[in-house]
């Protein structure tokens, strides 16, 4: 393999703009599906992942904020993520 082919192999094929556009579309789908979750699951994801202009929080911080145990936050988060994956088929 010559040097030109090697260097071309290092350059990503995807255009950064296209990748950003795909990410924006996916984010829009996630936020749309987020609204279908039960209230507590939705709030856990919003706070855990810093959605809707909220800073991301630890499970412990979310538990204090919502007045529920950290283990319950964990269960709600797991269920919500499973539901999102199922609905978004990812």
PDB file of N, CA and C in Angstrom:
ATOM      1  N   UNK A   1       0.861  -1.176   0.000  1.00  0.00           N
ATOM      2  CA  UNK A   1       0.000   0.000   0.000  1.00  0.00           C
ATOM      3  C   UNK A   1       0.906   1.236   0.000  1.00  0.00           C
ATOM      4  N   UNK A   2       0.595   2.196  -0.882  1.00  0.00           N
ATOM      5  CA  UNK A   2       1.422   3.400  -0.901  1.00  0.00           C
ATOM      6  C   UNK A   2       0.953   4.389   0.164  1.00  0.00           C
ATOM      7  N   UNK A   3       1.753   5.418   0.369  1.00  0.00           N
ATOM      8  CA  UNK A   3       1.502   6.394   1.439  1.00  0.00           C
ATOM      9  C   UNK A   3       0.168   7.118   1.251  1.00  0.00           C
ATOM     10  N   UNK A   4      -0.205   7.435   0.016  1.00  0.00           N
ATOM     11  CA  UNK A   4      -1.457   8.141  -0.236  1.00  0.00           C
ATOM     12  C   UNK A   4      -2.665   7.294   0.195  1.00  0.00           C
ATOM     13  N   UNK A   5      -2.667   6.026  -0.157  1.00  0.00           N
ATOM     14  CA  UNK A   5      -3.768   5.152   0.233  1.00  0.00           C
ATOM     15  C   UNK A   5      -3.835   5.014   1.748  1.00  0.00           C
ATOM     16  N   UNK A   6      -2.674   4.927   2.381  1.00  0.00           N
ATOM     17  CA  UNK A   6      -2.639   4.818   3.844  1.00  0.00           C
ATOM     18  C   UNK A   6      -3.253   6.056   4.489  1.00  0.00           C
ATOM     19  N   UNK A   7      -2.868   7.238   4.007  1.00  0.00           N
ATOM     20  CA  UNK A   7      -3.385   8.491   4.571  1.00  0.00           C
ATOM     21  C   UNK A   7      -4.884   8.622   4.315  1.00  0.00           C
ATOM     22  N   UNK A   8      -5.340   8.226   3.120  1.00  0.00           N
ATOM     23  CA  UNK A   8      -6.772   8.296   2.821  1.00  0.00           C
ATOM     24  C   UNK A   8      -7.570   7.371   3.738  1.00  0.00           C
ATOM     25  N   UNK A   9      -6.967   6.263   4.142  1.00  0.00           N
ATOM     26  CA  UNK A   9      -7.629   5.346   5.063  1.00  0.00           C
ATOM     27  C   UNK A   9      -7.821   5.936   6.450  1.00  0.00           C
ATOM     28  N   UNK A  10      -7.013   6.927   6.789  1.00  0.00           N
ATOM     29  CA  UNK A  10      -7.113   7.566   8.099  1.00  0.00           C
ATOM     30  C   UNK A  10      -8.171   8.662   8.144  1.00  0.00           C
ATOM     31  N   UNK A  11      -8.593   9.142   6.980  1.00  0.00           N
ATOM     32  CA  UNK A  11      -9.579  10.221   6.918  1.00  0.00           C
ATOM     33  C   UNK A  11     -10.972   9.623   6.995  1.00  0.00           C
ATOM     34  N   UNK A  12     -11.794  10.096   7.933  1.00  0.00           N
ATOM     35  CA  UNK A  12     -13.149   9.564   8.037  1.00  0.00           C
ATOM     36  C   UNK A  12     -13.949   9.858   6.775  1.00  0.00           C
ATOM     37  N   UNK A  13     -14.786   8.914   6.374  1.00  0.00           N
ATOM     38  CA  UNK A  13     -15.613   9.062   5.174  1.00  0.00           C
ATOM     39  C   UNK A  13     -16.790   9.983   5.419  1.00  0.00           C
ATOM     40  N   UNK A  14     -17.292  10.003   6.649  1.00  0.00           N
ATOM     41  CA  UNK A  14     -18.490  10.776   6.955  1.00  0.00           C
ATOM     42  C   UNK A  14     -18.168  12.248   7.083  1.00  0.00           C
ATOM     43  N   UNK A  15     -19.074  13.046   6.608  1.00  0.00           N
ATOM     44  CA  UNK A  15     -18.977  14.492   6.759  1.00  0.00           C
ATOM     45  C   UNK A  15     -19.430  14.858   8.163  1.00  0.00           C
ATOM     46  N   UNK A  16     -18.679  15.712   8.839  1.00  0.00           N
ATOM     47  CA  UNK A  16     -19.027  16.110  10.209  1.00  0.00           C
ATOM     48  C   UNK A  16     -20.426  16.714  10.280  1.00  0.00           C
ATOM     49  N   UNK A  17     -20.802  17.485   9.286  1.00  0.00           N
ATOM     50  CA  UNK A  17     -22.112  18.118   9.285  1.00  0.00           C
ATOM     51  C   UNK A  17     -23.214  17.070   9.246  1.00  0.00           C
ATOM     52  N   UNK A  18     -23.037  16.043   8.432  1.00  0.00           N
ATOM     53  CA  UNK A  18     -24.039  14.976   8.352  1.00  0.00           C
ATOM     54  C   UNK A  18     -24.151  14.260   9.684  1.00  0.00           C
ATOM     55  N   UNK A  19     -23.021  14.002  10.318  1.00  0.00           N
ATOM     56  CA  UNK A  19     -23.032  13.324  11.610  1.00  0.00           C
ATOM     57  C   UNK A  19     -23.760  14.175  12.642  1.00  0.00           C
ATOM     58  N   UNK A  20     -23.504  15.451  12.646  1.00  0.00           N
ATOM     59  CA  UNK A  20     -24.191  16.342  13.596  1.00  0.00           C
ATOM     60  C   UNK A  20     -25.684  16.389  13.319  1.00  0.00           C
ATOM     61  N   UNK A  21     -26.049  16.394  12.058  1.00  0.00           N
ATOM     62  CA  UNK A  21     -27.472  16.412  11.705  1.00  0.00           C
ATOM     63  C   UNK A  21     -28.151  15.130  12.164  1.00  0.00           C
ATOM     64  N   UNK A  22     -27.485  13.987  11.982  1.00  0.00           N
ATOM     65  CA  UNK A  22     -28.041  12.717  12.440  1.00  0.00           C
ATOM     66  C   UNK A  22     -28.197  12.714  13.953  1.00  0.00           C
ATOM     67  N   UNK A  23     -27.211  13.255  14.661  1.00  0.00           N
ATOM     68  CA  UNK A  23     -27.288  13.319  16.114  1.00  0.00           C
ATOM     69  C   UNK A  23     -28.440  14.212  16.554  1.00  0.00           C
ATOM     70  N   UNK A  24     -28.646  15.311  15.854  1.00  0.00           N
ATOM     71  CA  UNK A  24     -29.750  16.218  16.197  1.00  0.00           C
ATOM     72  C   UNK A  24     -31.097  15.536  15.992  1.00  0.00           C
ATOM     73  N   UNK A  25     -31.225  14.782  14.897  1.00  0.00           N
ATOM     74  CA  UNK A  25     -32.473  14.067  14.634  1.00  0.00           C
ATOM     75  C   UNK A  25     -32.719  13.025  15.718  1.00  0.00           C
ATOM     76  N   UNK A  26     -31.671  12.251  16.069  1.00  0.00           N
ATOM     77  CA  UNK A  26     -31.809  11.238  17.111  1.00  0.00           C
ATOM     78  C   UNK A  26     -32.176  11.884  18.447  1.00  0.00           C
ATOM     79  N   UNK A  27     -31.532  13.002  18.773  1.00  0.00           N
ATOM     80  CA  UNK A  27     -31.840  13.703  20.027  1.00  0.00           C
ATOM     81  C   UNK A  27     -33.304  14.143  20.040  1.00  0.00           C
ATOM     82  N   UNK A  28     -33.800  14.602  18.908  1.00  0.00           N
ATOM     83  CA  UNK A  28     -35.204  14.997  18.817  1.00  0.00           C
ATOM     84  C   UNK A  28     -36.139  13.826  19.057  1.00  0.00           C
ATOM     85  N   UNK A  29     -35.786  12.664  18.506  1.00  0.00           N
ATOM     86  CA  UNK A  29     -36.598  11.460  18.724  1.00  0.00           C
ATOM     87  C   UNK A  29     -36.581  11.059  20.202  1.00  0.00           C
ATOM     88  N   UNK A  30     -35.397  11.107  20.797  1.00  0.00           N
ATOM     89  CA  UNK A  30     -35.271  10.732  22.218  1.00  0.00           C
ATOM     90  C   UNK A  30     -36.122  11.653  23.069  1.00  0.00           C
ATOM     91  N   UNK A  31     -36.039  12.950  22.834  1.00  0.00           N
ATOM     92  CA  UNK A  31     -36.827  13.890  23.630  1.00  0.00           C
ATOM     93  C   UNK A  31     -38.318  13.694  23.406  1.00  0.00           C
ATOM     94  N   UNK A  32     -38.723  13.340  22.192  1.00  0.00           N
ATOM     95  CA  UNK A  32     -40.131  13.068  21.918  1.00  0.00           C
ATOM     96  C   UNK A  32     -40.623  11.846  22.667  1.00  0.00           C
ATOM     97  N   UNK A  33     -39.819  10.784  22.654  1.00  0.00           N
ATOM     98  CA  UNK A  33     -40.188   9.547  23.344  1.00  0.00           C
ATOM     99  C   UNK A  33     -40.122   9.745  24.855  1.00  0.00           C
ATOM    100  N   UNK A  34     -39.217  10.585  25.300  1.00  0.00           N
ATOM    101  CA  UNK A  34     -39.071  10.871  26.723  1.00  0.00           C
ATOM    102  C   UNK A  34     -40.401  11.314  27.323  1.00  0.00           C
ATOM    103  N   UNK A  35     -41.167  12.076  26.555  1.00  0.00           N
ATOM    104  CA  UNK A  35     -42.461  12.580  27.039  1.00  0.00           C
ATOM    105  C   UNK A  35     -43.486  11.476  27.249  1.00  0.00           C
ATOM    106  N   UNK A  36     -43.250  10.296  26.684  1.00  0.00           N
ATOM    107  CA  UNK A  36     -44.196   9.194  26.843  1.00  0.00           C
ATOM    108  C   UNK A  36     -43.930   8.368  28.099  1.00  0.00           C
ATOM    109  N   UNK A  37     -42.781   8.592  28.727  1.00  0.00           N
ATOM    110  CA  UNK A  37     -42.424   7.836  29.933  1.00  0.00           C
ATOM    111  C   UNK A  37     -43.241   8.308  31.132  1.00  0.00           C
ATOM    112  N   UNK A  38     -43.437   7.427  32.116  1.00  0.00           N
ATOM    113  CA  UNK A  38     -44.047   7.870  33.373  1.00  0.00           C
ATOM    114  C   UNK A  38     -43.228   9.014  33.991  1.00  0.00           C
ATOM    115  N   UNK A  39     -43.880   9.872  34.712  1.00  0.00           N
ATOM    116  CA  UNK A  39     -43.271  11.098  35.257  1.00  0.00           C
ATOM    117  C   UNK A  39     -41.945  10.832  35.976  1.00  0.00           C
ATOM    118  N   UNK A  40     -41.914   9.895  36.904  1.00  0.00           N
ATOM    119  CA  UNK A  40     -40.686   9.661  37.667  1.00  0.00           C
ATOM    120  C   UNK A  40     -39.546   9.172  36.789  1.00  0.00           C
ATOM    121  N   UNK A  41     -39.839   8.277  35.861  1.00  0.00           N
ATOM    122  CA  UNK A  41     -38.796   7.796  34.950  1.00  0.00           C
ATOM    123  C   UNK A  41     -38.264   8.956  34.112  1.00  0.00           C
ATOM    124  N   UNK A  42     -39.164   9.784  33.621  1.00  0.00           N
ATOM    125  CA  UNK A  42     -38.769  10.940  32.815  1.00  0.00           C
ATOM    126  C   UNK A  42     -37.878  11.883  33.610  1.00  0.00           C
ATOM    127  N   UNK A  43     -38.273  12.193  34.852  1.00  0.00           N
ATOM    128  CA  UNK A  43     -37.481  13.099  35.680  1.00  0.00           C
ATOM    129  C   UNK A  43     -36.105  12.526  36.002  1.00  0.00           C
ATOM    130  N   UNK A  44     -36.048  11.230  36.258  1.00  0.00           N
ATOM    131  CA  UNK A  44     -34.754  10.595  36.544  1.00  0.00           C
ATOM    132  C   UNK A  44     -33.819  10.764  35.351  1.00  0.00           C
ATOM    133  N   UNK A  45     -34.310  10.483  34.147  1.00  0.00           N
ATOM    134  CA  UNK A  45     -33.454  10.613  32.962  1.00  0.00           C
ATOM    135  C   UNK A  45     -33.049  12.060  32.708  1.00  0.00           C
ATOM    136  N   UNK A  46     -33.976  12.974  32.889  1.00  0.00           N
ATOM    137  CA  UNK A  46     -33.661  14.397  32.702  1.00  0.00           C
ATOM    138  C   UNK A  46     -32.521  14.810  33.626  1.00  0.00           C
ATOM    139  N   UNK A  47     -32.618  14.426  34.898  1.00  0.00           N
ATOM    140  CA  UNK A  47     -31.592  14.825  35.864  1.00  0.00           C
ATOM    141  C   UNK A  47     -30.303  14.025  35.717  1.00  0.00           C
ATOM    142  N   UNK A  48     -30.393  12.736  35.448  1.00  0.00           N
ATOM    143  CA  UNK A  48     -29.189  11.896  35.328  1.00  0.00           C
ATOM    144  C   UNK A  48     -28.337  12.277  34.125  1.00  0.00           C
ATOM    145  N   UNK A  49     -28.990  12.574  32.991  1.00  0.00           N
ATOM    146  CA  UNK A  49     -28.255  12.818  31.759  1.00  0.00           C
ATOM    147  C   UNK A  49     -28.191  14.294  31.362  1.00  0.00           C
ATOM    148  N   UNK A  50     -28.689  15.157  32.227  1.00  0.00           N
ATOM    149  CA  UNK A  50     -28.583  16.594  31.968  1.00  0.00           C
ATOM    150  C   UNK A  50     -29.388  17.042  30.749  1.00  0.00           C
ATOM    151  N   UNK A  51     -30.605  16.565  30.628  1.00  0.00           N
ATOM    152  CA  UNK A  51     -31.455  16.940  29.507  1.00  0.00           C
ATOM    153  C   UNK A  51     -32.241  18.200  29.841  1.00  0.00           C
ATOM    154  N   UNK A  52     -32.737  18.846  28.793  1.00  0.00           N
ATOM    155  CA  UNK A  52     -33.573  20.047  28.956  1.00  0.00           C
ATOM    156  C   UNK A  52     -32.912  21.110  29.824  1.00  0.00           C
ATOM    157  N   UNK A  53     -31.660  21.358  29.531  1.00  0.00           N
ATOM    158  CA  UNK A  53     -30.880  22.415  30.192  1.00  0.00           C
ATOM    159  C   UNK A  53     -30.654  22.197  31.685  1.00  0.00           C
ATOM    160  N   UNK A  54     -30.716  20.958  32.134  1.00  0.00           N
ATOM    161  CA  UNK A  54     -30.388  20.621  33.512  1.00  0.00           C
ATOM    162  C   UNK A  54     -28.963  20.057  33.533  1.00  0.00           C
ATOM    163  N   UNK A  55     -28.217  20.322  34.588  1.00  0.00           N
ATOM    164  CA  UNK A  55     -26.893  19.706  34.683  1.00  0.00           C
ATOM    165  C   UNK A  55     -27.034  18.218  35.012  1.00  0.00           C
ATOM    166  N   UNK A  56     -26.145  17.369  34.499  1.00  0.00           N
ATOM    167  CA  UNK A  56     -26.218  15.944  34.852  1.00  0.00           C
ATOM    168  C   UNK A  56     -25.911  15.752  36.338  1.00  0.00           C
ATOM    169  N   UNK A  57     -26.660  14.860  36.970  1.00  0.00           N
ATOM    170  CA  UNK A  57     -26.494  14.594  38.404  1.00  0.00           C
ATOM    171  C   UNK A  57     -26.188  13.118  38.632  1.00  0.00           C
ATOM    172  N   UNK A  58     -25.588  12.827  39.766  1.00  0.00           N
ATOM    173  CA  UNK A  58     -25.361  11.437  40.157  1.00  0.00           C
ATOM    174  C   UNK A  58     -26.687  10.844  40.638  1.00  0.00           C
ATOM    175  N   UNK A  59     -26.725   9.520  40.754  1.00  0.00           N
ATOM    176  CA  UNK A  59     -27.933   8.887  41.285  1.00  0.00           C
ATOM    177  C   UNK A  59     -28.228   9.383  42.694  1.00  0.00           C
ATOM    178  N   UNK A  60     -27.191   9.576  43.485  1.00  0.00           N
ATOM    179  CA  UNK A  60     -27.383  10.062  44.857  1.00  0.00           C
ATOM    180  C   UNK A  60     -27.995  11.465  44.859  1.00  0.00           C
ATOM    181  N   UNK A  61     -27.512  12.335  43.980  1.00  0.00           N
ATOM    182  CA  UNK A  61     -28.057  13.690  43.899  1.00  0.00           C
ATOM    183  C   UNK A  61     -29.518  13.675  43.442  1.00  0.00           C
ATOM    184  N   UNK A  62     -29.832  12.803  42.483  1.00  0.00           N
ATOM    185  CA  UNK A  62     -31.206  12.682  42.008  1.00  0.00           C
ATOM    186  C   UNK A  62     -32.103  12.165  43.127  1.00  0.00           C
ATOM    187  N   UNK A  63     -31.596  11.204  43.896  1.00  0.00           N
ATOM    188  CA  UNK A  63     -32.412  10.644  44.985  1.00  0.00           C
ATOM    189  C   UNK A  63     -32.754  11.727  46.009  1.00  0.00           C
ATOM    190  N   UNK A  64     -31.786  12.560  46.333  1.00  0.00           N
ATOM    191  CA  UNK A  64     -32.046  13.653  47.285  1.00  0.00           C
ATOM    192  C   UNK A  64     -33.040  14.656  46.692  1.00  0.00           C
ATOM    193  N   UNK A  65     -32.837  15.004  45.437  1.00  0.00           N
ATOM    194  CA  UNK A  65     -33.695  15.988  44.780  1.00  0.00           C
ATOM    195  C   UNK A  65     -35.147  15.505  44.692  1.00  0.00           C
ATOM    196  N   UNK A  66     -35.326  14.193  44.420  1.00  0.00           N
ATOM    197  CA  UNK A  66     -36.671  13.654  44.240  1.00  0.00           C
ATOM    198  C   UNK A  66     -37.251  13.057  45.520  1.00  0.00           C
ATOM    199  N   UNK A  67     -36.436  12.937  46.564  1.00  0.00           N
ATOM    200  CA  UNK A  67     -36.924  12.391  47.828  1.00  0.00           C
ATOM    201  C   UNK A  67     -37.197  10.898  47.774  1.00  0.00           C
ATOM    202  N   UNK A  68     -36.393  10.176  46.988  1.00  0.00           N
ATOM    203  CA  UNK A  68     -36.525   8.719  46.888  1.00  0.00           C
ATOM    204  C   UNK A  68     -35.140   8.098  47.088  1.00  0.00           C
ATOM    205  N   UNK A  69     -35.093   6.792  47.319  1.00  0.00           N
ATOM    206  CA  UNK A  69     -33.804   6.142  47.569  1.00  0.00           C
ATOM    207  C   UNK A  69     -32.960   6.064  46.301  1.00  0.00           C
ATOM    208  N   UNK A  70     -31.656   5.965  46.480  1.00  0.00           N
ATOM    209  CA  UNK A  70     -30.742   5.845  45.357  1.00  0.00           C
ATOM    210  C   UNK A  70     -31.008   4.561  44.579  1.00  0.00           C
ATOM    211  N   UNK A  71     -31.335   3.490  45.286  1.00  0.00           N
ATOM    212  CA  UNK A  71     -31.614   2.228  44.595  1.00  0.00           C
ATOM    213  C   UNK A  71     -32.888   2.331  43.748  1.00  0.00           C
ATOM    214  N   UNK A  72     -33.859   3.113  44.202  1.00  0.00           N
ATOM    215  CA  UNK A  72     -35.075   3.311  43.415  1.00  0.00           C
ATOM    216  C   UNK A  72     -34.759   4.142  42.169  1.00  0.00           C
ATOM    217  N   UNK A  73     -33.889   5.142  42.325  1.00  0.00           N
ATOM    218  CA  UNK A  73     -33.439   5.922  41.170  1.00  0.00           C
ATOM    219  C   UNK A  73     -32.798   4.989  40.143  1.00  0.00           C
ATOM    220  N   UNK A  74     -31.964   4.075  40.622  1.00  0.00           N
ATOM    221  CA  UNK A  74     -31.298   3.124  39.742  1.00  0.00           C
ATOM    222  C   UNK A  74     -32.304   2.266  38.982  1.00  0.00           C
ATOM    223  N   UNK A  75     -33.309   1.767  39.686  1.00  0.00           N
ATOM    224  CA  UNK A  75     -34.336   0.933  39.046  1.00  0.00           C
ATOM    225  C   UNK A  75     -35.145   1.735  38.020  1.00  0.00           C
ATOM    226  N   UNK A  76     -35.527   2.968  38.387  1.00  0.00           N
ATOM    227  CA  UNK A  76     -36.272   3.816  37.466  1.00  0.00           C
ATOM    228  C   UNK A  76     -35.446   4.126  36.214  1.00  0.00           C
ATOM    229  N   UNK A  77     -34.175   4.413  36.421  1.00  0.00           N
ATOM    230  CA  UNK A  77     -33.281   4.722  35.302  1.00  0.00           C
ATOM    231  C   UNK A  77     -33.161   3.519  34.362  1.00  0.00           C
ATOM    232  N   UNK A  78     -32.947   2.354  34.933  1.00  0.00           N
ATOM    233  CA  UNK A  78     -32.800   1.144  34.125  1.00  0.00           C
ATOM    234  C   UNK A  78     -34.058   0.873  33.305  1.00  0.00           C
ATOM    235  N   UNK A  79     -35.210   0.966  33.933  1.00  0.00           N
ATOM    236  CA  UNK A  79     -36.479   0.721  33.252  1.00  0.00           C
ATOM    237  C   UNK A  79     -36.706   1.755  32.151  1.00  0.00           C
ATOM    238  N   UNK A  80     -36.404   3.015  32.435  1.00  0.00           N
ATOM    239  CA  UNK A  80     -36.607   4.083  31.456  1.00  0.00           C
ATOM    240  C   UNK A  80     -35.698   3.897  30.242  1.00  0.00           C
ATOM    241  N   UNK A  81     -34.453   3.534  30.473  1.00  0.00           N
ATOM    242  CA  UNK A  81     -33.512   3.319  29.369  1.00  0.00           C
ATOM    243  C   UNK A  81     -33.962   2.124  28.527  1.00  0.00           C
ATOM    244  N   UNK A  82     -34.415   1.062  29.184  1.00  0.00           N
ATOM    245  CA  UNK A  82     -34.932  -0.119  28.449  1.00  0.00           C
ATOM    246  C   UNK A  82     -36.122   0.282  27.584  1.00  0.00           C
ATOM    247  N   UNK A  83     -37.010   1.080  28.128  1.00  0.00           N
ATOM    248  CA  UNK A  83     -38.186   1.520  27.388  1.00  0.00           C
ATOM    249  C   UNK A  83     -37.778   2.377  26.187  1.00  0.00           C
ATOM    250  N   UNK A  84     -36.840   3.310  26.401  1.00  0.00           N
ATOM    251  CA  UNK A  84     -36.370   4.154  25.301  1.00  0.00           C
ATOM    252  C   UNK A  84     -35.748   3.312  24.201  1.00  0.00           C
ATOM    253  N   UNK A  85     -34.892   2.373  24.595  1.00  0.00           N
ATOM    254  CA  UNK A  85     -34.259   1.510  23.585  1.00  0.00           C
ATOM    255  C   UNK A  85     -35.297   0.738  22.788  1.00  0.00           C
ATOM    256  N   UNK A  86     -36.301   0.245  23.474  1.00  0.00           N
ATOM    257  CA  UNK A  86     -37.355  -0.507  22.803  1.00  0.00           C
ATOM    258  C   UNK A  86     -38.141   0.372  21.842  1.00  0.00           C
ATOM    259  N   UNK A  87     -38.521   1.547  22.287  1.00  0.00           N
ATOM    260  CA  UNK A  87     -39.316   2.443  21.462  1.00  0.00           C
ATOM    261  C   UNK A  87     -38.526   3.021  20.291  1.00  0.00           C
ATOM    262  N   UNK A  88     -37.223   3.259  20.506  1.00  0.00           N
ATOM    263  CA  UNK A  88     -36.381   3.818  19.456  1.00  0.00           C
ATOM    264  C   UNK A  88     -35.711   2.731  18.618  1.00  0.00           C
ATOM    265  N   UNK A  89     -35.864   1.487  19.051  1.00  0.00           N
ATOM    266  CA  UNK A  89     -35.263   0.331  18.373  1.00  0.00           C
ATOM    267  C   UNK A  89     -33.774   0.502  18.163  1.00  0.00           C
ATOM    268  N   UNK A  90     -33.073   0.823  19.287  1.00  0.00           N
ATOM    269  CA  UNK A  90     -31.610   0.936  19.224  1.00  0.00           C
ATOM    270  C   UNK A  90     -30.964  -0.082  20.121  1.00  0.00           C
TER     271      UNK A  90
END
